[in-house]
Protein backbone atom coordinates (compact mmCIF):
# COMPACT_ATOMS: atom_id res chain seq x y z
CA UNK A 1 -145.13 52.60 21.76
CA UNK A 2 -141.39 52.30 21.03
CA UNK A 3 -140.42 51.18 17.56
CA UNK A 4 -140.46 47.40 17.13
CA UNK A 5 -137.61 45.28 15.75
CA UNK A 6 -139.93 44.05 12.98
CA UNK A 7 -140.84 47.62 12.07
CA UNK A 8 -137.17 48.62 11.90
CA UNK A 9 -136.19 45.66 9.73
CA UNK A 10 -139.20 45.91 7.42
CA UNK A 11 -138.72 49.62 6.82
CA UNK A 12 -134.98 49.44 6.20
CA UNK A 13 -134.46 46.12 4.46
CA UNK A 14 -137.64 45.45 2.49
CA UNK A 15 -138.56 46.93 -0.87
CA UNK A 16 -142.21 46.43 0.07
CA UNK A 17 -143.23 46.77 3.74
CA UNK A 18 -146.80 46.12 2.54
CA UNK A 19 -145.89 42.58 1.49
CA UNK A 20 -144.24 41.85 4.82
CA UNK A 21 -147.22 43.26 6.72
CA UNK A 22 -149.60 41.11 4.66
CA UNK A 23 -147.61 37.94 5.32
CA UNK A 24 -147.36 38.73 9.03
CA UNK A 25 -151.06 39.51 9.31
CA UNK A 26 -152.20 36.29 7.63
CA UNK A 27 -149.65 34.32 9.67
CA UNK A 28 -151.28 35.67 12.84
CA UNK A 29 -154.81 34.92 11.64
CA UNK A 30 -153.99 31.35 10.67
CA UNK A 31 -152.12 30.64 13.91
CA UNK A 32 -154.73 32.03 16.27
CA UNK A 33 -158.38 31.06 16.22
CA UNK A 34 -159.15 33.95 18.57
CA UNK A 35 -157.48 36.46 16.26
CA UNK A 36 -159.18 35.01 13.19
CA UNK A 37 -162.67 35.06 14.70
CA UNK A 38 -162.17 38.59 16.05
CA UNK A 39 -161.11 39.78 12.61
CA UNK A 40 -164.05 38.11 10.85
CA UNK A 41 -166.47 39.60 13.39
CA UNK A 42 -164.84 43.00 12.81
CA UNK A 43 -165.47 42.79 9.07
CA UNK A 44 -168.92 41.22 9.61
CA UNK A 45 -170.16 44.63 10.72
CA UNK A 46 -170.69 45.34 7.01
CA UNK A 47 -171.67 41.78 6.03
CA UNK A 48 -173.12 39.61 8.85
CA UNK A 49 -173.34 36.57 6.54
CA UNK A 50 -169.56 36.03 6.52
CA UNK A 51 -168.68 32.57 7.94
CA UNK A 52 -166.37 32.47 10.95
CA UNK A 53 -164.43 29.48 9.60
CA UNK A 54 -162.32 31.23 6.98
CA UNK A 55 -158.86 30.24 5.76
CA UNK A 56 -156.59 33.14 4.90
CA UNK A 57 -153.95 33.17 2.20
CA UNK A 58 -151.79 35.78 0.50
CA UNK A 59 -151.24 36.30 -3.19
CA UNK A 60 -147.53 35.68 -2.66
CA UNK A 61 -148.03 32.20 -1.22
CA UNK A 62 -151.23 31.00 -2.86
CA UNK A 63 -151.84 27.29 -2.05
CA UNK A 64 -151.94 24.84 -4.91
CA UNK A 65 -155.66 24.17 -4.44
CA UNK A 66 -156.59 27.80 -5.09
CA UNK A 67 -159.42 28.20 -7.55
CA UNK A 68 -157.30 30.81 -9.32
CA UNK A 69 -154.43 28.44 -10.05
CA UNK A 70 -153.43 28.11 -13.70
CA UNK A 71 -155.49 31.11 -14.73
CA UNK A 72 -154.33 34.33 -16.32
CA UNK A 73 -154.79 36.19 -13.04
CA UNK A 74 -151.74 38.38 -12.44
CA UNK A 75 -150.51 39.56 -9.05
CA UNK A 76 -151.59 43.14 -9.70
CA UNK A 77 -155.17 42.07 -10.44
CA UNK A 78 -155.51 40.02 -7.26
CA UNK A 79 -155.87 41.48 -3.75
CA UNK A 80 -153.06 41.05 -1.23
CA UNK A 81 -154.94 38.45 0.81
CA UNK A 82 -158.13 36.45 0.68
CA UNK A 83 -160.33 34.72 3.21
CA UNK A 84 -161.84 31.56 1.71
CA UNK A 85 -164.82 29.63 3.01
CA UNK A 86 -165.18 25.86 3.24
CA UNK A 87 -166.07 25.72 -0.47
CA UNK A 88 -162.80 27.56 -1.29
CA UNK A 89 -164.73 30.64 -2.41
CA UNK A 90 -163.03 33.97 -1.68
CA UNK A 91 -165.56 35.87 0.44
CA UNK A 92 -163.22 38.38 2.07
CA UNK A 93 -160.60 40.17 -0.04
CA UNK A 94 -158.01 42.45 1.47
CA UNK A 95 -155.66 45.07 0.05
CA UNK A 96 -152.88 46.25 2.35
CA UNK A 97 -151.62 49.81 2.02
CA UNK A 98 -149.12 52.02 3.71
CA UNK A 99 -148.16 54.78 1.27
CA UNK A 100 -148.13 52.92 -2.05
CA UNK A 101 -150.63 54.28 -4.56
CA UNK A 102 -153.65 52.50 -5.97
CA UNK A 103 -153.03 50.39 -9.06
CA UNK A 104 -155.16 50.70 -12.20
CA UNK A 105 -157.15 47.65 -11.05
CA UNK A 106 -158.05 49.06 -7.64
CA UNK A 107 -160.81 48.94 -6.68
CA UNK A 108 -163.00 48.62 -9.79
CA UNK A 109 -161.45 45.51 -11.39
CA UNK A 110 -161.56 43.74 -8.04
CA UNK A 111 -165.18 44.71 -7.44
CA UNK A 112 -166.25 43.43 -10.84
CA UNK A 113 -164.34 40.18 -10.47
CA UNK A 114 -165.41 38.79 -7.08
CA UNK A 115 -168.82 37.56 -5.84
CA UNK A 116 -171.46 40.09 -4.81
CA UNK A 117 -171.68 38.41 -1.40
CA UNK A 118 -168.03 39.11 -0.61
CA UNK A 119 -166.28 42.07 1.03
CA UNK A 120 -163.35 43.96 -0.48
CA UNK A 121 -161.48 45.80 2.25
CA UNK A 122 -158.60 48.25 2.13
CA UNK A 123 -156.47 48.63 5.26
CA UNK A 124 -154.27 51.73 5.47
CA UNK A 125 -152.67 54.16 7.95
CA UNK A 126 -155.14 56.41 9.76
CA UNK A 127 -153.60 59.55 8.30
CA UNK A 128 -154.15 58.33 4.77
CA UNK A 129 -157.80 57.27 5.06
CA UNK A 130 -159.53 60.54 3.99
CA UNK A 131 -157.48 60.78 0.78
CA UNK A 132 -157.79 57.09 0.01
CA UNK A 133 -161.57 57.08 0.60
CA UNK A 134 -162.06 60.01 -1.78
CA UNK A 135 -160.04 58.32 -4.49
CA UNK A 136 -161.80 54.96 -4.08
CA UNK A 137 -165.23 56.60 -4.30
CA UNK A 138 -164.23 58.72 -7.29
CA UNK A 139 -162.96 55.69 -9.21
CA UNK A 140 -166.13 53.75 -8.49
CA UNK A 141 -168.28 56.65 -9.70
CA UNK A 142 -166.17 57.10 -12.84
CA UNK A 143 -166.69 53.40 -13.59
CA UNK A 144 -170.47 53.83 -13.33
CA UNK A 145 -170.96 51.44 -10.41
CA UNK A 146 -174.42 51.67 -8.88
CA UNK A 147 -174.23 53.02 -5.32
CA UNK A 148 -176.85 51.63 -2.96
CA UNK A 149 -175.73 53.09 0.38
CA UNK A 150 -172.69 54.52 2.15
CA UNK A 151 -172.06 54.01 5.87
CA UNK A 152 -169.48 55.32 8.31
CA UNK A 153 -169.06 54.02 11.84
CA UNK A 154 -166.38 56.68 12.26
CA UNK A 155 -163.51 58.24 10.30
CA UNK A 156 -161.61 54.95 10.39
CA UNK A 157 -164.36 52.55 9.32
CA UNK A 158 -166.33 53.36 6.16
CA UNK A 159 -168.17 51.16 3.70
CA UNK A 160 -170.29 51.37 0.57
CA UNK A 161 -172.85 48.92 -0.81
CA UNK A 162 -173.28 48.62 -4.56
CA UNK A 163 -176.14 47.23 -6.62
CA UNK A 164 -174.21 44.20 -7.89
CA UNK A 165 -170.62 44.33 -6.63
CA UNK A 166 -169.03 43.27 -3.32
CA UNK A 167 -169.17 45.60 -0.32
CA UNK A 168 -166.24 48.03 -0.28
CA UNK A 169 -164.73 48.65 3.16
CA UNK A 170 -161.97 51.04 4.19
CA UNK A 171 -160.48 50.87 7.66
CA UNK A 172 -157.28 51.58 9.55
CA UNK A 173 -154.52 49.32 10.75
CA UNK A 174 -155.17 50.70 14.23
CA UNK A 175 -158.78 49.50 14.34
CA UNK A 176 -158.00 46.10 12.84
CA UNK A 177 -155.08 45.36 15.14
CA UNK A 178 -156.92 46.67 18.21
CA UNK A 179 -159.76 44.24 17.50
CA UNK A 180 -157.57 41.15 17.21
CA UNK A 181 -155.20 42.21 20.02
CA UNK A 182 -158.08 42.53 22.49
CA UNK A 183 -159.30 39.04 21.57
CA UNK A 184 -155.83 37.50 21.85
CA UNK A 185 -155.22 39.18 25.23
CA UNK A 186 -158.49 37.69 26.51
CA UNK A 187 -157.43 34.31 25.11
CA UNK A 188 -154.11 34.52 26.99
CA UNK A 189 -151.92 33.63 24.00
CA UNK A 190 -148.65 35.43 24.80
CA UNK A 191 -146.84 34.29 21.63
CA UNK A 192 -149.50 35.62 19.25
CA UNK A 193 -149.81 38.79 21.31
CA UNK A 194 -146.08 39.37 20.82
CA UNK A 195 -146.51 38.89 17.05
CA UNK A 196 -149.35 41.43 16.99
CA UNK A 197 -147.29 43.97 18.91
CA UNK A 198 -144.46 43.56 16.40
CA UNK A 199 -146.86 44.21 13.51
CA UNK A 200 -148.32 47.19 15.37
CA UNK A 201 -144.79 48.55 15.64
CA UNK A 202 -144.40 48.48 11.87
CA UNK A 203 -147.81 50.07 11.28
CA UNK A 204 -147.15 52.82 13.82
CA UNK A 205 -143.82 53.54 12.18
CA UNK A 206 -145.41 53.79 8.74
CA UNK A 207 -148.21 56.00 10.10
CA UNK A 208 -145.89 58.44 11.86
CA UNK A 209 -142.78 58.81 9.71
CA UNK A 210 -142.97 62.03 7.68
CA UNK A 211 -139.88 61.19 5.60
CA UNK A 212 -139.73 57.54 4.60
CA UNK A 213 -136.47 55.97 3.42
CA UNK A 214 -135.86 56.57 -0.28
CA UNK A 215 -135.93 53.46 -2.46
CA UNK A 216 -133.84 52.95 -5.56
CA UNK A 217 -136.90 52.60 -7.82
CA UNK A 218 -137.99 56.12 -6.88
CA UNK A 219 -134.79 57.54 -8.36
CA UNK A 220 -134.68 55.31 -11.43
CA UNK A 221 -138.35 55.59 -12.43
CA UNK A 222 -139.87 58.09 -14.86
CA UNK A 223 -141.26 60.24 -12.01
CA UNK A 224 -139.22 63.30 -13.03
CA UNK A 225 -140.43 63.03 -16.63
CA UNK A 226 -144.03 62.68 -15.47
CA UNK A 227 -143.86 65.78 -13.27
CA UNK A 228 -142.56 67.78 -16.23
CA UNK A 229 -145.46 66.47 -18.31
CA UNK A 230 -147.95 67.60 -15.64
CA UNK A 231 -146.46 71.09 -15.87
CA UNK A 232 -146.69 70.96 -19.66
CA UNK A 233 -150.40 70.14 -19.35
CA UNK A 234 -150.87 73.37 -17.38
CA UNK A 235 -149.20 75.36 -20.18
CA UNK A 236 -151.15 73.59 -22.94
CA UNK A 237 -154.51 74.12 -21.23
CA UNK A 238 -153.73 77.76 -20.47
CA UNK A 239 -152.82 78.35 -24.10
CA UNK A 240 -156.08 76.71 -25.20
CA UNK A 241 -158.13 78.96 -22.88
CA UNK A 242 -156.31 82.09 -24.04
CA UNK A 243 -156.53 81.19 -27.73
CA UNK A 244 -160.28 80.59 -27.46
CA UNK A 245 -160.78 83.98 -25.81
CA UNK A 246 -162.03 82.47 -22.54
CA UNK A 247 -159.06 83.63 -20.46
CA UNK A 248 -156.50 86.42 -20.50
CA UNK A 249 -152.92 86.29 -19.19
CA UNK A 250 -152.21 89.96 -19.98
CA UNK A 251 -149.91 91.43 -17.34
CA UNK A 252 -149.66 88.09 -15.52
CA UNK A 253 -146.58 85.90 -15.41
CA UNK A 254 -145.91 82.22 -15.07
CA UNK A 255 -145.15 81.61 -11.38
CA UNK A 256 -143.38 78.90 -9.40
CA UNK A 257 -142.48 78.25 -5.77
CA UNK A 258 -141.79 75.21 -3.61
CA UNK A 259 -143.74 72.30 -5.12
CA UNK A 260 -146.02 74.59 -7.18
CA UNK A 261 -145.85 75.95 -10.72
CA UNK A 262 -148.60 77.44 -12.85
CA UNK A 263 -150.19 80.22 -14.87
CA UNK A 264 -152.26 83.13 -13.59
CA UNK A 265 -155.17 84.33 -15.72
CA UNK A 266 -158.39 86.33 -15.52
CA UNK A 267 -161.74 84.76 -16.42
CA UNK A 268 -165.07 86.61 -16.09
CA UNK A 269 -163.83 89.12 -13.49
CA UNK A 270 -162.14 86.37 -11.51
CA UNK A 271 -158.44 85.93 -10.89
CA UNK A 272 -157.53 82.31 -11.50
CA UNK A 273 -154.42 80.18 -11.16
CA UNK A 274 -154.14 76.93 -13.12
CA UNK A 275 -151.24 74.99 -11.63
CA UNK A 276 -149.37 71.86 -10.69
CA UNK A 277 -149.51 71.66 -6.89
CA UNK A 278 -147.61 68.86 -5.16
CA UNK A 279 -148.79 70.02 -1.73
CA UNK A 280 -152.51 69.82 -2.53
CA UNK A 281 -151.83 66.54 -4.30
CA UNK A 282 -150.19 65.22 -1.12
CA UNK A 283 -152.76 66.62 1.31
CA UNK A 284 -155.99 66.00 -0.62
CA UNK A 285 -155.00 63.40 -3.20
CA UNK A 286 -156.60 62.59 -6.50
CA UNK A 287 -154.68 64.85 -8.86
CA UNK A 288 -151.64 67.10 -9.25
CA UNK A 289 -153.54 69.70 -11.35
CA UNK A 290 -155.61 72.38 -9.54
CA UNK A 291 -157.62 75.48 -10.47
CA UNK A 292 -157.57 78.35 -7.97
CA UNK A 293 -160.29 81.03 -7.97
CA UNK A 294 -160.37 84.51 -6.43
CA UNK A 295 -162.18 87.77 -7.14
CA UNK A 296 -159.90 89.83 -9.39
CA UNK A 297 -158.89 93.31 -8.23
CA UNK A 298 -156.39 95.92 -9.29
CA UNK A 299 -152.84 94.67 -9.56
CA UNK A 300 -152.32 91.76 -7.19
CA UNK A 301 -155.18 92.74 -4.88
CA UNK A 302 -157.30 89.64 -5.39
CA UNK A 303 -159.87 88.79 -2.73
CA UNK A 304 -162.11 85.93 -1.65
CA UNK A 305 -164.70 85.04 -4.31
CA UNK A 306 -167.71 84.65 -2.01
CA UNK A 307 -170.31 84.66 -4.77
CA UNK A 308 -168.32 82.09 -6.71
CA UNK A 309 -168.34 79.80 -3.69
CA UNK A 310 -172.11 80.12 -3.43
CA UNK A 311 -172.57 79.37 -7.11
CA UNK A 312 -170.17 76.42 -7.00
CA UNK A 313 -171.77 74.82 -3.93
CA UNK A 314 -172.84 71.71 -5.84
CA UNK A 315 -169.19 70.88 -6.43
CA UNK A 316 -168.48 71.19 -2.71
CA UNK A 317 -171.31 68.81 -1.83
CA UNK A 318 -170.09 66.05 -4.13
CA UNK A 319 -168.35 63.00 -2.66
CA UNK A 320 -165.44 63.41 -2.99
CA UNK A 321 -165.76 67.20 -2.85
CA UNK A 322 -164.65 69.11 -5.93
CA UNK A 323 -164.40 72.48 -4.20
CA UNK A 324 -162.00 73.32 -1.39
CA UNK A 325 -161.90 76.56 0.59
CA UNK A 326 -158.40 77.25 1.92
CA UNK A 327 -157.74 80.66 3.49
CA UNK A 328 -159.19 83.20 1.01
CA UNK A 329 -158.96 80.97 -2.05
CA UNK A 330 -161.16 78.39 -3.73
CA UNK A 331 -159.60 75.31 -5.29
CA UNK A 332 -161.10 72.91 -7.83
CA UNK A 333 -159.23 69.62 -8.48
CA UNK A 334 -158.95 68.63 -12.14
CA UNK A 335 -158.84 64.85 -12.45
CA UNK A 336 -156.64 63.28 -15.11
CA UNK A 337 -158.19 60.34 -17.01
CA UNK A 338 -156.07 57.19 -17.10
CA UNK A 339 -154.96 55.15 -20.07
CA UNK A 340 -155.59 57.77 -22.77
CA UNK A 341 -153.45 59.93 -25.06
CA UNK A 342 -152.35 63.47 -24.18
CA UNK A 343 -154.91 65.05 -26.51
CA UNK A 344 -157.73 63.22 -24.72
CA UNK A 345 -156.35 64.28 -21.33
CA UNK A 346 -156.40 67.91 -22.42
CA UNK A 347 -159.98 67.55 -23.70
CA UNK A 348 -161.08 66.06 -20.38
CA UNK A 349 -159.40 68.75 -18.29
CA UNK A 350 -160.84 71.50 -20.48
CA UNK A 351 -164.30 69.96 -20.11
CA UNK A 352 -163.96 69.98 -16.31
CA UNK A 353 -162.75 73.57 -16.42
CA UNK A 354 -165.59 74.62 -18.72
CA UNK A 355 -168.13 73.50 -16.14
CA UNK A 356 -166.57 75.90 -13.63
CA UNK A 357 -166.09 78.70 -16.17
CA UNK A 358 -169.76 78.51 -17.22
CA UNK A 359 -170.76 79.07 -13.60
CA UNK A 360 -168.33 81.97 -13.19
CA UNK A 361 -169.86 83.58 -16.30
CA UNK A 362 -173.18 83.94 -14.44
CA UNK A 363 -171.61 86.18 -11.78
CA UNK A 364 -171.81 89.92 -12.36
CA UNK A 365 -168.53 91.78 -12.54
């Protein structure tokens, strides 16, 4: 499909294409009964009890009769849109994503806030779904939510049921818009169909563009300072491992290349590389700090650590996986806890590393 006018304008003149997409989507649902019913039926695959007669609203234009009016609910603790039943109860909550990150409240605060009978759905570009799913699941597990079951219709439609919280659903813009477009085409509503095609144009543009336009807030934020702090964490943790006698950096230098900087070390006959890796962060999500493992050899002749992979299999089987095999290297992501001081971050990362190091210690040299 050629780029749409709406997609061009939203991408080049809006600070938040997500907000425009949310407004457009709810506008379509509230104008077309066919689109609304198709969307509710689409989501009802994970919760058949959802009523078909929902009214959709966005957090930007919340009607005055909203049950959340005059409360202390802030915009960042409320999903982008809500589907309310005849009793004005929010039973379908939606969070719209293109490439913006998850906020501190997502998804755990939302899940704890809304009724157990509701559905919390995230809609994102197809390319982003694997990373986003891993991060959503990890945050839910870290919060101690009780998992009842996980289901996947395919790679673009996944859900999880909890013991007490709403159903969590992740799906793609492509699947959502296909569902309502097919219904509107059958209904013969040319005006709404045109609106859907315009929104599809924006979503396709956001899904395909490798280099998105740079926004002023990216250059004026503290991103540069934060990246330097990530690199400092690598140095601090390496020093802690060396000082405790767990690791040795003898004969090994600090190394950097495009998007990567870190410290090589040897631990229990293994050659390891603790590093900041923007590429793995981009491709697999979750964290900028990674621990690489190989079998140490003479000089730079390090090889694949096959026995280490066997011993670390339980990490690979976790959801999300905590062991990646790329070429002849093993990678373990080290997740940074949120909302704590630097000393607590270092303790957490060292604890995660110690789990791996203890396993490596059981492998004969």
